[in-house]
C-alpha atoms as a PDB file:
ATOM      1  CA  MET A   1      42.484 120.609  -6.111  1.00  0.00           C
ATOM      2  CA  LYS A   2      43.940 119.515  -9.372  1.00  0.00           C
ATOM      3  CA  ARG A   3      41.848 118.502 -12.322  1.00  0.00           C
ATOM      4  CA  VAL A   4      43.737 115.669 -14.275  1.00  0.00           C
ATOM      5  CA  LYS A   5      42.919 114.402 -17.817  1.00  0.00           C
ATOM      6  CA  ILE A   6      44.109 111.411 -19.317  1.00  0.00           C
ATOM      7  CA  LEU A   7      43.126 111.609 -22.862  1.00  0.00           C
ATOM      8  CA  GLY A   8      43.342 108.535 -25.208  1.00  0.00           C
ATOM      9  CA  SER A   9      41.519 105.772 -27.096  1.00  0.00           C
ATOM     10  CA  GLY A  10      41.760 103.021 -24.250  1.00  0.00           C
ATOM     11  CA  CYS A  11      45.018 101.528 -25.557  1.00  0.00           C
ATOM     12  CA  GLY A  12      47.570 100.170 -23.284  1.00  0.00           C
ATOM     13  CA  SER A  13      49.735 102.685 -23.044  1.00  0.00           C
ATOM     14  CA  CYS A  14      47.063 105.028 -21.819  1.00  0.00           C
ATOM     15  CA  ASN A  15      45.964 102.736 -19.553  1.00  0.00           C
ATOM     16  CA  GLN A  16      49.334 102.632 -18.104  1.00  0.00           C
ATOM     17  CA  LEU A  17      49.288 106.251 -18.004  1.00  0.00           C
ATOM     18  CA  PHE A  18      45.870 106.810 -15.835  1.00  0.00           C
ATOM     19  CA  ASP A  19      47.275 103.962 -13.522  1.00  0.00           C
ATOM     20  CA  ALA A  20      50.753 105.568 -13.213  1.00  0.00           C
ATOM     21  CA  VAL A  21      48.884 109.075 -12.505  1.00  0.00           C
ATOM     22  CA  LYS A  22      46.387 107.614  -9.778  1.00  0.00           C
ATOM     23  CA  ALA A  23      49.390 106.157  -8.165  1.00  0.00           C
ATOM     24  CA  VAL A  24      51.430 109.386  -8.089  1.00  0.00           C
ATOM     25  CA  VAL A  25      48.370 110.820  -6.469  1.00  0.00           C
ATOM     26  CA  THR A  26      48.090 108.661  -4.112  1.00  0.00           C
ATOM     27  CA  ALA A  27      51.579 107.979  -2.998  1.00  0.00           C
ATOM     28  CA  GLU A  28      52.542 111.922  -2.834  1.00  0.00           C
ATOM     29  CA  GLY A  29      49.319 112.952  -1.156  1.00  0.00           C
ATOM     30  CA  ILE A  30      48.224 115.101  -4.259  1.00  0.00           C
ATOM     31  CA  LEU A  31      44.873 116.294  -3.909  1.00  0.00           C
ATOM     32  CA  ALA A  32      43.369 115.873  -7.570  1.00  0.00           C
ATOM     33  CA  THR A  33      40.757 114.098  -9.443  1.00  0.00           C
ATOM     34  CA  VAL A  34      41.793 112.347 -12.113  1.00  0.00           C
ATOM     35  CA  GLU A  35      39.258 111.207 -14.992  1.00  0.00           C
ATOM     36  CA  LYS A  36      40.014 109.395 -18.492  1.00  0.00           C
ATOM     37  CA  VAL A  37      38.645 111.024 -21.705  1.00  0.00           C
ATOM     38  CA  GLU A  38      38.057 108.032 -24.486  1.00  0.00           C
ATOM     39  CA  ASP A  39      35.426 110.307 -26.430  1.00  0.00           C
ATOM     40  CA  LEU A  40      37.453 111.622 -29.858  1.00  0.00           C
ATOM     41  CA  GLN A  41      35.763 114.954 -30.184  1.00  0.00           C
ATOM     42  CA  GLN A  42      36.719 115.634 -26.742  1.00  0.00           C
ATOM     43  CA  ILE A  43      40.192 115.219 -27.199  1.00  0.00           C
ATOM     44  CA  MET A  44      40.634 116.624 -30.464  1.00  0.00           C
ATOM     45  CA  ALA A  45      39.233 120.009 -28.528  1.00  0.00           C
ATOM     46  CA  TYR A  46      42.737 119.682 -26.790  1.00  0.00           C
ATOM     47  CA  ASN A  47      44.230 119.576 -30.171  1.00  0.00           C
ATOM     48  CA  VAL A  48      45.568 115.884 -29.396  1.00  0.00           C
ATOM     49  CA  MET A  49      47.063 114.248 -32.223  1.00  0.00           C
ATOM     50  CA  THR A  50      49.006 111.585 -30.197  1.00  0.00           C
ATOM     51  CA  THR A  51      48.124 110.028 -27.325  1.00  0.00           C
ATOM     52  CA  PRO A  52      48.543 109.036 -24.608  1.00  0.00           C
ATOM     53  CA  ALA A  53      47.810 113.079 -23.442  1.00  0.00           C
ATOM     54  CA  LEU A  54      48.170 114.357 -19.874  1.00  0.00           C
ATOM     55  CA  VAL A  55      46.289 117.266 -18.917  1.00  0.00           C
ATOM     56  CA  VAL A  56      46.295 119.031 -15.830  1.00  0.00           C
ATOM     57  CA  ASP A  57      44.039 122.413 -14.747  1.00  0.00           C
ATOM     58  CA  GLU A  58      43.310 122.052 -18.628  1.00  0.00           C
ATOM     59  CA  LYS A  59      46.349 122.419 -20.147  1.00  0.00           C
ATOM     60  CA  VAL A  60      48.093 119.940 -22.176  1.00  0.00           C
ATOM     61  CA  VAL A  61      51.302 118.934 -20.353  1.00  0.00           C
ATOM     62  CA  SER A  62      52.682 116.287 -22.354  1.00  0.00           C
ATOM     63  CA  LYS A  63      51.636 113.997 -25.439  1.00  0.00           C
ATOM     64  CA  GLY A  64      52.587 110.836 -26.990  1.00  0.00           C
ATOM     65  CA  ARG A  65      54.655 109.405 -24.072  1.00  0.00           C
ATOM     66  CA  LEU A  66      54.726 107.577 -21.054  1.00  0.00           C
ATOM     67  CA  LEU A  67      56.037 109.547 -18.228  1.00  0.00           C
ATOM     68  CA  SER A  68      58.068 108.087 -15.230  1.00  0.00           C
ATOM     69  CA  HIS A  69      56.672 108.739 -10.892  1.00  0.00           C
ATOM     70  CA  GLU A  70      58.942 111.775 -11.028  1.00  0.00           C
ATOM     71  CA  GLU A  71      57.708 113.430 -14.611  1.00  0.00           C
ATOM     72  CA  ILE A  72      54.218 113.195 -13.157  1.00  0.00           C
ATOM     73  CA  LYS A  73      54.957 114.512  -9.976  1.00  0.00           C
ATOM     74  CA  ALA A  74      56.478 117.325 -11.292  1.00  0.00           C
ATOM     75  CA  LEU A  75      54.086 118.242 -13.512  1.00  0.00           C
ATOM     76  CA  LEU A  76      51.380 117.664 -10.683  1.00  0.00           C
ATOM     77  CA  THR A  77      53.103 119.806  -8.245  1.00  0.00           C
ATOM     78  CA  ALA A  78      54.464 122.311 -10.745  1.00  0.00           C
ATOM     79  CA  LYS A  79      53.346 126.109  -9.658  1.00  0.00           C
ATOM     80  CA  PRO A  80      51.078 128.105 -12.062  1.00  0.00           C
ATOM     81  CA  GLN A  81      53.146 130.429 -14.927  1.00  0.00           C
ATOM     82  CA  GLY A  82      51.911 133.726 -16.432  1.00  0.00           C
ATOM     83  CA  CYS A  83      49.836 136.133 -15.234  1.00  0.00           C
ATOM     84  CA  CYS A  84      48.298 135.004 -11.998  1.00  0.00           C
ATOM     85  CA  GLY A  85      50.876 132.675 -11.598  1.00  0.00           C
ATOM     86  CA  SER A  86      54.392 132.818  -9.706  1.00  0.00           C
ATOM     87  CA  HIS A  87      55.906 135.956 -11.127  1.00  0.00           C
ATOM     88  CA  GLY A  88      53.505 138.612  -8.433  1.00  0.00           C
ATOM     89  CA  SER A  89      53.516 141.480 -10.446  1.00  0.00           C
ATOM     90  CA  LYS A  90      50.962 144.138  -8.818  1.00  0.00           C
ATOM     91  CA  THR A  91      48.675 146.211 -10.572  1.00  0.00           C
ATOM     92  CA  GLU A  92      47.835 149.873 -10.100  1.00  0.00           C
ATOM     93  CA  GLY A  93      45.202 149.124  -7.595  1.00  0.00           C
ATOM     94  CA  GLY A  94      47.088 146.899  -5.781  1.00  0.00           C
ATOM     95  CA  SER A  95      46.065 143.410  -6.328  1.00  0.00           C
ATOM     96  CA  SER A  96      48.586 140.542  -6.934  1.00  0.00           C
ATOM     97  CA  CYS A  97      46.944 139.715 -10.416  1.00  0.00           C
ATOM     98  CA  CYS A  98      47.705 141.847 -13.833  1.00  0.00           C
ATOM     99  CA  CYS A  99      44.506 140.202 -15.600  1.00  0.00           C
END
């Protein structure tokens, strides 16, 4: 299940992004929790200076703009990247993760 957070002060744009993300999750049948984060210290912990910001599984994927339905869908359904993501590397022990 995806963990999605909308970071913002509660302004109109932040609320619009929150509603849009919830709509995409529902329309596309994406398994996700969607949370609004309005606490300034929590927002600063993500190194975000421009809101609204979208965080997916603790990674900031968008800052300072509203996103279309298709953009949100793409961000919520993207395959993980990096070591334990989609590259498929094998370690000496045969596991599929190099971490």
